[in-house]
């Protein structure tokens, strides 16, 4: 009996040692059974702006900013005062345009095509909107005067869209004052027509000008 127990203990000890040795072997196979391959970092290119250790590198490039124009270098309010001695009312080529609730007083002077609205460039004042800027260019482009006159505008009331369209009418009327022969081509383009449309006022008992509350028979 003692001999049988000793033989069983020896067999269990051998099994335990063999299992530990199998676990100590390095794994060289993946779960799918194929041998694992070492990942070679050198074989892959580094992405731009990153090292292999993850530390980012910043590449500084020289910023190329366009040179400011002569109109941007100087103070625009002072420039307007120098070009308009006595203010808007003292000028000869002055006209008024209206659209919705906006009013624009326009002065034309011999120049190079600058457009200044309320002491700011048209590009800045109209927020670079291409449609609104096109309103200002249309009368001058119709006559081919894009670089003949400088336009000074004093706009009040309404929004930027209404002020831009009021400026269009004011420029067209000022061009007619400069030369009566300009009236026919401007008239054919409809640039001298005052647009009388305005927002209709709200009515009492209605949601808006004409929108009524839902009708209920009972």
Foldseek 3Di string as FASTA:
>chain_A
DVVVVVVVVVVVVVVVVVVVVVVPDDDQADPVGHGDDDDDPVVDDDDPQADPVGDGDDDDDDDDDDDDDPCVVDQQVVVVCVVDPPPLVPADLWFWFFFAFKIKIKDKDFFFQFEAEPSHGPCVVLVNDPVLVVLQCVLCVLVVNNTGIYMYMYMDDDDSSRRSLRNQLGVQVSVCVVPVVSVVSCVVVVSNDHDPDYAAAADPQAPGNPHHPDDDPD
